[in-house]
Amino acid sequence: MTETRFLTLADVAEVLNISGSQTYALVRSGELRGIKIGGRGQWRVEREQLESFIHRMYDETSSFVAAHPLIDDDSVTRTTNETRSIAGLR
């Protein structure tokens, strides 16, 4: 059995584990490429476009993480305590 080339917005929402309205917003904004087909203008997303979108999101997330490193709790506590000590708030 072959995979379906085009997915409905409901299918895309299920794959991404998001709501239908979030999926619609992604398509309408152009973040996720889709096409309108038929007389009622139903949206479809090509499976290849969805995979491309997912890869882009991984790349964007990697860039975000690199630009905003996670600060460990000990470092935050130490910095907060040092700031309080300097300000005489202890």
Protein backbone atom coordinates (compact mmCIF):
# COMPACT_ATOMS: atom_id res chain seq x y z
CA MET A 1 0.00 0.00 0.00
CA THR A 2 1.38 3.42 -0.93
CA GLU A 3 1.42 6.48 1.28
CA THR A 4 -1.00 9.27 0.47
CA ARG A 5 0.77 12.19 -1.19
CA PHE A 6 -1.52 14.88 0.24
CA LEU A 7 -2.70 15.21 3.82
CA THR A 8 -5.75 16.99 5.19
CA LEU A 9 -5.26 19.64 7.85
CA ALA A 10 -6.66 17.16 10.36
CA ASP A 11 -3.97 14.66 9.32
CA VAL A 12 -1.26 17.31 9.70
CA ALA A 13 -2.64 18.31 13.12
CA GLU A 14 -2.45 14.69 14.23
CA VAL A 15 1.14 14.28 13.02
CA LEU A 16 2.26 17.48 14.76
CA ASN A 17 0.04 16.87 17.80
CA ILE A 18 -1.49 20.36 17.55
CA SER A 19 -5.03 21.62 17.09
CA GLY A 20 -6.77 22.02 13.76
CA SER A 21 -6.88 25.79 14.22
CA GLN A 22 -3.13 25.90 14.84
CA THR A 23 -2.61 23.87 11.67
CA TYR A 24 -4.86 26.22 9.70
CA ALA A 25 -2.90 29.21 11.03
CA LEU A 26 0.40 27.63 9.93
CA VAL A 27 -0.94 27.12 6.40
CA ARG A 28 -2.61 30.54 6.15
CA SER A 29 0.52 32.33 7.38
CA GLY A 30 2.65 30.51 4.82
CA GLU A 31 4.87 28.88 7.46
CA LEU A 32 3.64 25.51 6.20
CA ARG A 33 3.03 25.33 2.47
CA GLY A 34 -0.36 24.01 1.44
CA ILE A 35 -2.77 24.17 -1.46
CA LYS A 36 -6.49 24.86 -1.73
CA ILE A 37 -8.31 22.43 -3.97
CA GLY A 38 -11.83 21.77 -5.11
CA GLY A 39 -14.92 23.94 -5.26
CA ARG A 40 -15.04 24.31 -1.48
CA GLY A 41 -11.36 25.23 -1.30
CA GLN A 42 -10.26 22.48 1.04
CA TRP A 43 -6.65 22.67 2.19
CA ARG A 44 -4.14 19.93 1.54
CA VAL A 45 -0.49 19.69 2.55
CA GLU A 46 1.92 17.58 0.58
CA ARG A 47 3.69 15.04 2.80
CA GLU A 48 7.06 16.33 1.49
CA GLN A 49 6.14 19.89 2.57
CA LEU A 50 5.26 18.68 6.04
CA GLU A 51 8.60 16.88 6.37
CA SER A 52 10.40 20.00 5.15
CA PHE A 53 8.52 22.10 7.73
CA ILE A 54 9.49 19.68 10.50
CA HIS A 55 13.16 19.86 9.50
CA ARG A 56 13.00 23.68 9.46
CA MET A 57 11.49 23.67 12.94
CA TYR A 58 14.34 21.44 14.18
CA ASP A 59 16.86 23.86 12.65
CA GLU A 60 15.13 26.90 14.18
CA THR A 61 14.95 25.19 17.56
CA SER A 62 18.65 24.30 17.41
CA SER A 63 19.50 27.93 16.63
CA PHE A 64 17.30 29.14 19.48
CA VAL A 65 18.87 26.73 21.96
CA ALA A 66 22.38 27.75 20.86
CA ALA A 67 21.52 31.45 21.26
CA HIS A 68 19.75 30.96 24.61
CA PRO A 69 21.70 28.40 26.65
CA LEU A 70 19.97 26.86 29.64
CA ILE A 71 21.27 28.21 32.91
CA ASP A 72 21.41 25.60 35.64
CA ASP A 73 19.48 26.24 38.85
CA ASP A 74 22.63 26.39 41.01
CA SER A 75 24.04 29.18 38.87
CA VAL A 76 20.80 31.16 39.09
CA THR A 77 20.59 30.68 42.87
CA ARG A 78 24.24 31.65 43.32
CA THR A 79 23.83 34.78 41.17
CA THR A 80 20.61 35.76 42.97
CA ASN A 81 22.25 35.32 46.38
CA GLU A 82 25.31 37.31 45.30
CA THR A 83 23.07 40.12 44.07
CA ARG A 84 21.12 40.15 47.34
CA SER A 85 24.35 40.17 49.34
CA ILE A 86 25.73 43.11 47.37
CA ALA A 87 22.46 44.98 47.83
CA GLY A 88 22.41 44.19 51.56
CA LEU A 89 19.13 42.27 51.31
CA ARG A 90 20.17 39.12 53.15
